[in-house]
C-alpha atoms as a PDB file:
ATOM      1  CA  MET A   1     -30.129  19.664   1.957  1.00  0.00           C
ATOM      2  CA  ARG A   2     -26.525  20.353   2.993  1.00  0.00           C
ATOM      3  CA  LEU A   3     -26.477  17.130   5.004  1.00  0.00           C
ATOM      4  CA  THR A   4     -27.527  15.085   2.006  1.00  0.00           C
ATOM      5  CA  ILE A   5     -24.904  16.687  -0.214  1.00  0.00           C
ATOM      6  CA  ALA A   6     -22.289  16.137   2.482  1.00  0.00           C
ATOM      7  CA  ALA A   7     -23.425  12.511   2.846  1.00  0.00           C
ATOM      8  CA  LEU A   8     -23.047  11.700  -0.851  1.00  0.00           C
ATOM      9  CA  PRO A   9     -19.258  11.094  -0.690  1.00  0.00           C
ATOM     10  CA  LEU A  10     -19.792   8.871   2.353  1.00  0.00           C
ATOM     11  CA  LEU A  11     -22.451   6.917   0.492  1.00  0.00           C
ATOM     12  CA  ALA A  12     -20.125   6.532  -2.478  1.00  0.00           C
ATOM     13  CA  LEU A  13     -17.363   5.253  -0.216  1.00  0.00           C
ATOM     14  CA  LEU A  14     -19.621   2.851   1.638  1.00  0.00           C
ATOM     15  CA  ALA A  15     -21.423   1.483  -1.435  1.00  0.00           C
ATOM     16  CA  PRO A  16     -18.923  -1.364  -2.002  1.00  0.00           C
ATOM     17  CA  LEU A  17     -19.035  -2.502   1.636  1.00  0.00           C
ATOM     18  CA  PRO A  18     -21.989  -4.901   1.330  1.00  0.00           C
ATOM     19  CA  ALA A  19     -20.160  -6.819  -1.391  1.00  0.00           C
ATOM     20  CA  ALA A  20     -16.858  -6.690   0.498  1.00  0.00           C
ATOM     21  CA  ALA A  21     -18.482  -7.929   3.687  1.00  0.00           C
ATOM     22  CA  THR A  22     -19.613 -11.139   1.980  1.00  0.00           C
ATOM     23  CA  ASP A  23     -16.723 -11.552  -0.448  1.00  0.00           C
ATOM     24  CA  PRO A  24     -14.706 -14.692   0.410  1.00  0.00           C
ATOM     25  CA  ALA A  25     -11.643 -13.183  -1.274  1.00  0.00           C
ATOM     26  CA  ALA A  26     -11.760 -10.264   1.167  1.00  0.00           C
ATOM     27  CA  GLY A  27     -11.838 -12.722   4.060  1.00  0.00           C
ATOM     28  CA  ARG A  28      -8.829 -14.553   2.635  1.00  0.00           C
ATOM     29  CA  ALA A  29      -6.977 -11.250   2.204  1.00  0.00           C
ATOM     30  CA  VAL A  30      -7.639 -10.343   5.838  1.00  0.00           C
ATOM     31  CA  ALA A  31      -6.442 -13.781   6.950  1.00  0.00           C
ATOM     32  CA  THR A  32      -3.310 -13.499   4.809  1.00  0.00           C
ATOM     33  CA  LEU A  33      -2.443 -10.047   6.135  1.00  0.00           C
ATOM     34  CA  ASN A  34      -2.876 -11.272   9.715  1.00  0.00           C
ATOM     35  CA  ASP A  35      -0.841 -14.456   9.242  1.00  0.00           C
ATOM     36  CA  PRO A  36       2.551 -13.991  10.993  1.00  0.00           C
ATOM     37  CA  ALA A  37       4.174 -16.574   8.694  1.00  0.00           C
ATOM     38  CA  MET A  38       2.984 -14.644   5.618  1.00  0.00           C
ATOM     39  CA  GLN A  39       4.152 -11.358   7.145  1.00  0.00           C
ATOM     40  CA  ASP A  40       7.585 -12.901   7.690  1.00  0.00           C
ATOM     41  CA  HIS A  41       7.612 -14.318   4.160  1.00  0.00           C
ATOM     42  CA  MET A  42       6.822 -10.906   2.635  1.00  0.00           C
ATOM     43  CA  ALA A  43       9.418  -9.209   4.830  1.00  0.00           C
ATOM     44  CA  ASP A  44      12.057 -11.828   3.989  1.00  0.00           C
ATOM     45  CA  THR A  45      11.290 -11.443   0.284  1.00  0.00           C
ATOM     46  CA  VAL A  46      11.731  -7.666   0.431  1.00  0.00           C
ATOM     47  CA  THR A  47      14.914  -8.053   2.477  1.00  0.00           C
ATOM     48  CA  ALA A  48      16.368 -10.447  -0.111  1.00  0.00           C
ATOM     49  CA  LEU A  49      15.327  -8.266  -3.062  1.00  0.00           C
ATOM     50  CA  VAL A  50      16.718  -5.062  -1.561  1.00  0.00           C
ATOM     51  CA  GLY A  51      19.889  -6.852  -0.506  1.00  0.00           C
ATOM     52  CA  ALA A  52      20.379  -8.165  -4.056  1.00  0.00           C
ATOM     53  CA  LEU A  53      19.589  -4.761  -5.547  1.00  0.00           C
ATOM     54  CA  MET A  54      22.200  -3.076  -3.363  1.00  0.00           C
ATOM     55  CA  GLN A  55      24.835  -5.506  -4.727  1.00  0.00           C
ATOM     56  CA  MET A  56      23.928  -4.922  -8.374  1.00  0.00           C
ATOM     57  CA  LYS A  57      26.860  -3.529 -10.386  1.00  0.00           C
ATOM     58  CA  VAL A  58      26.296  -0.106 -11.921  1.00  0.00           C
ATOM     59  CA  GLY A  59      29.812   0.506 -13.208  1.00  0.00           C
ATOM     60  CA  PRO A  60      29.044  -0.567 -16.814  1.00  0.00           C
ATOM     61  CA  LEU A  61      25.940   1.639 -16.914  1.00  0.00           C
ATOM     62  CA  ALA A  62      27.903   4.586 -15.514  1.00  0.00           C
ATOM     63  CA  GLU A  63      30.560   4.033 -18.175  1.00  0.00           C
ATOM     64  CA  ALA A  64      27.919   4.117 -20.924  1.00  0.00           C
ATOM     65  CA  VAL A  65      26.413   7.326 -19.508  1.00  0.00           C
ATOM     66  CA  ALA A  66      29.869   8.899 -19.245  1.00  0.00           C
ATOM     67  CA  ARG A  67      30.522   8.129 -22.917  1.00  0.00           C
ATOM     68  CA  VAL A  68      27.327   9.941 -23.910  1.00  0.00           C
ATOM     69  CA  ASP A  69      27.853  12.814 -21.461  1.00  0.00           C
ATOM     70  CA  PRO A  70      31.502  13.098 -20.409  1.00  0.00           C
ATOM     71  CA  GLU A  71      30.620  16.015 -18.099  1.00  0.00           C
ATOM     72  CA  SER A  72      28.211  13.916 -16.004  1.00  0.00           C
ATOM     73  CA  ASP A  73      29.012  12.607 -12.549  1.00  0.00           C
ATOM     74  CA  ALA A  74      28.833   9.097 -14.018  1.00  0.00           C
ATOM     75  CA  ALA A  75      32.381   9.610 -15.296  1.00  0.00           C
ATOM     76  CA  TYR A  76      33.589   9.446 -11.677  1.00  0.00           C
ATOM     77  CA  ILE A  77      31.840   6.206 -10.736  1.00  0.00           C
ATOM     78  CA  PRO A  78      34.295   3.303 -10.372  1.00  0.00           C
ATOM     79  CA  PRO A  79      33.821   0.408 -12.809  1.00  0.00           C
ATOM     80  CA  ASP A  80      33.110  -2.066  -9.990  1.00  0.00           C
ATOM     81  CA  ALA A  81      30.613   0.196  -8.142  1.00  0.00           C
ATOM     82  CA  THR A  82      27.319  -1.223  -6.911  1.00  0.00           C
ATOM     83  CA  VAL A  83      23.960   0.416  -6.183  1.00  0.00           C
ATOM     84  CA  GLY A  84      24.904   0.214  -2.493  1.00  0.00           C
ATOM     85  CA  ASP A  85      28.144   2.078  -3.187  1.00  0.00           C
ATOM     86  CA  ILE A  86      26.294   4.841  -5.001  1.00  0.00           C
ATOM     87  CA  ALA A  87      23.365   5.025  -2.566  1.00  0.00           C
ATOM     88  CA  GLY A  88      25.615   4.972   0.471  1.00  0.00           C
ATOM     89  CA  ARG A  89      26.619   1.813   2.277  1.00  0.00           C
ATOM     90  CA  ASP A  90      24.273   0.885   5.072  1.00  0.00           C
ATOM     91  CA  PRO A  91      24.713  -2.787   5.892  1.00  0.00           C
ATOM     92  CA  HIS A  92      21.330  -2.970   7.645  1.00  0.00           C
ATOM     93  CA  TYR A  93      19.223  -1.168   5.033  1.00  0.00           C
ATOM     94  CA  ALA A  94      17.671  -4.323   3.570  1.00  0.00           C
ATOM     95  CA  GLU A  95      16.805  -5.658   7.026  1.00  0.00           C
ATOM     96  CA  ARG A  96      15.190  -2.357   8.000  1.00  0.00           C
ATOM     97  CA  MET A  97      13.142  -2.427   4.816  1.00  0.00           C
ATOM     98  CA  GLY A  98      12.020  -5.952   5.675  1.00  0.00           C
ATOM     99  CA  ASP A  99      11.067  -4.840   9.195  1.00  0.00           C
ATOM    100  CA  ASP A 100       9.079  -1.945   7.723  1.00  0.00           C
ATOM    101  CA  VAL A 101       7.228  -4.341   5.417  1.00  0.00           C
ATOM    102  CA  ARG A 102       6.480  -6.640   8.344  1.00  0.00           C
ATOM    103  CA  ALA A 103       5.126  -3.746  10.443  1.00  0.00           C
ATOM    104  CA  GLY A 104       3.168  -2.317   7.512  1.00  0.00           C
ATOM    105  CA  THR A 105       1.614  -5.691   6.769  1.00  0.00           C
ATOM    106  CA  ARG A 106       0.615  -6.088  10.417  1.00  0.00           C
ATOM    107  CA  MET A 107      -1.007  -2.654  10.392  1.00  0.00           C
ATOM    108  CA  ALA A 108      -2.816  -3.424   7.118  1.00  0.00           C
ATOM    109  CA  GLY A 109      -4.052  -6.655   8.689  1.00  0.00           C
ATOM    110  CA  HIS A 110      -5.357  -4.791  11.736  1.00  0.00           C
ATOM    111  CA  ALA A 111      -7.085  -2.234   9.524  1.00  0.00           C
ATOM    112  CA  ALA A 112      -8.610  -4.914   7.295  1.00  0.00           C
ATOM    113  CA  SER A 113      -9.834  -6.819  10.354  1.00  0.00           C
ATOM    114  CA  ALA A 114     -11.430  -3.679  11.765  1.00  0.00           C
ATOM    115  CA  LEU A 115     -13.114  -2.906   8.449  1.00  0.00           C
ATOM    116  CA  ALA A 116     -14.422  -6.463   8.231  1.00  0.00           C
ATOM    117  CA  ALA A 117     -15.762  -6.239  11.791  1.00  0.00           C
ATOM    118  CA  TYR A 118     -17.428  -2.882  11.156  1.00  0.00           C
ATOM    119  CA  ALA A 119     -18.718  -3.739   7.671  1.00  0.00           C
ATOM    120  CA  PRO A 120     -22.203  -4.802   8.851  1.00  0.00           C
ATOM    121  CA  VAL A 121     -22.567  -1.605  10.911  1.00  0.00           C
ATOM    122  CA  LEU A 122     -21.290   0.537   8.047  1.00  0.00           C
ATOM    123  CA  LYS A 123     -23.630  -1.281   5.666  1.00  0.00           C
ATOM    124  CA  ASP A 124     -26.613  -0.464   7.889  1.00  0.00           C
ATOM    125  CA  MET A 125     -25.402   3.109   8.236  1.00  0.00           C
ATOM    126  CA  ALA A 126     -25.095   3.457   4.460  1.00  0.00           C
ATOM    127  CA  ARG A 127     -28.586   2.048   3.999  1.00  0.00           C
ATOM    128  CA  ASP A 128     -29.959   4.509   6.598  1.00  0.00           C
ATOM    129  CA  LEU A 129     -28.160   7.449   4.963  1.00  0.00           C
ATOM    130  CA  ALA A 130     -29.478   6.414   1.562  1.00  0.00           C
ATOM    131  CA  ALA A 131     -33.028   6.218   2.930  1.00  0.00           C
ATOM    132  CA  GLN A 132     -32.615   9.623   4.570  1.00  0.00           C
ATOM    133  CA  TRP A 133     -31.303  11.044   1.313  1.00  0.00           C
ATOM    134  CA  GLU A 134     -34.336   9.670  -0.531  1.00  0.00           C
ATOM    135  CA  ARG A 135     -36.684  11.234   2.056  1.00  0.00           C
ATOM    136  CA  GLU A 136     -34.875  14.576   1.822  1.00  0.00           C
ATOM    137  CA  ARG A 137     -34.954  14.494  -1.954  1.00  0.00           C
ATOM    138  CA  ALA A 138     -38.675  13.714  -1.961  1.00  0.00           C
ATOM    139  CA  ALA A 139     -39.327  16.509   0.571  1.00  0.00           C
ATOM    140  CA  ALA A 140     -37.383  18.995  -1.535  1.00  0.00           C
ATOM    141  CA  ARG A 141     -39.561  18.214  -4.563  1.00  0.00           C
ATOM    142  CA  ARG A 142     -42.832  18.981  -2.742  1.00  0.00           C
END
């Protein structure tokens, strides 16, 4: 009985696998995550966005905050300050973020590929666990 109760979360997790194993969208997602050109595109996009964000001016916002709360630290922010100035200047921050996205996308692609490869085995395992659960449930009712 304990085994069947312990298996219920596994069954719940594995229930969507049969659909995912045959879903063309899942196959396209795996292919996209494993495409080096797409990984580079995502990383370049993040690099550009973070780079632009770090150059965004925050001086006018700090001035508005300082008017509402003259005791706040915003009163000491220069009018031409950027997010990068406030966050601390690191000229390679955006590039490192892009590299992290590239590595994370590669890892997600590897994981998705492994799940796709194991999906038939996990599907069979889920079916076997479900059958075992049914047998145990029937035995417990006798």
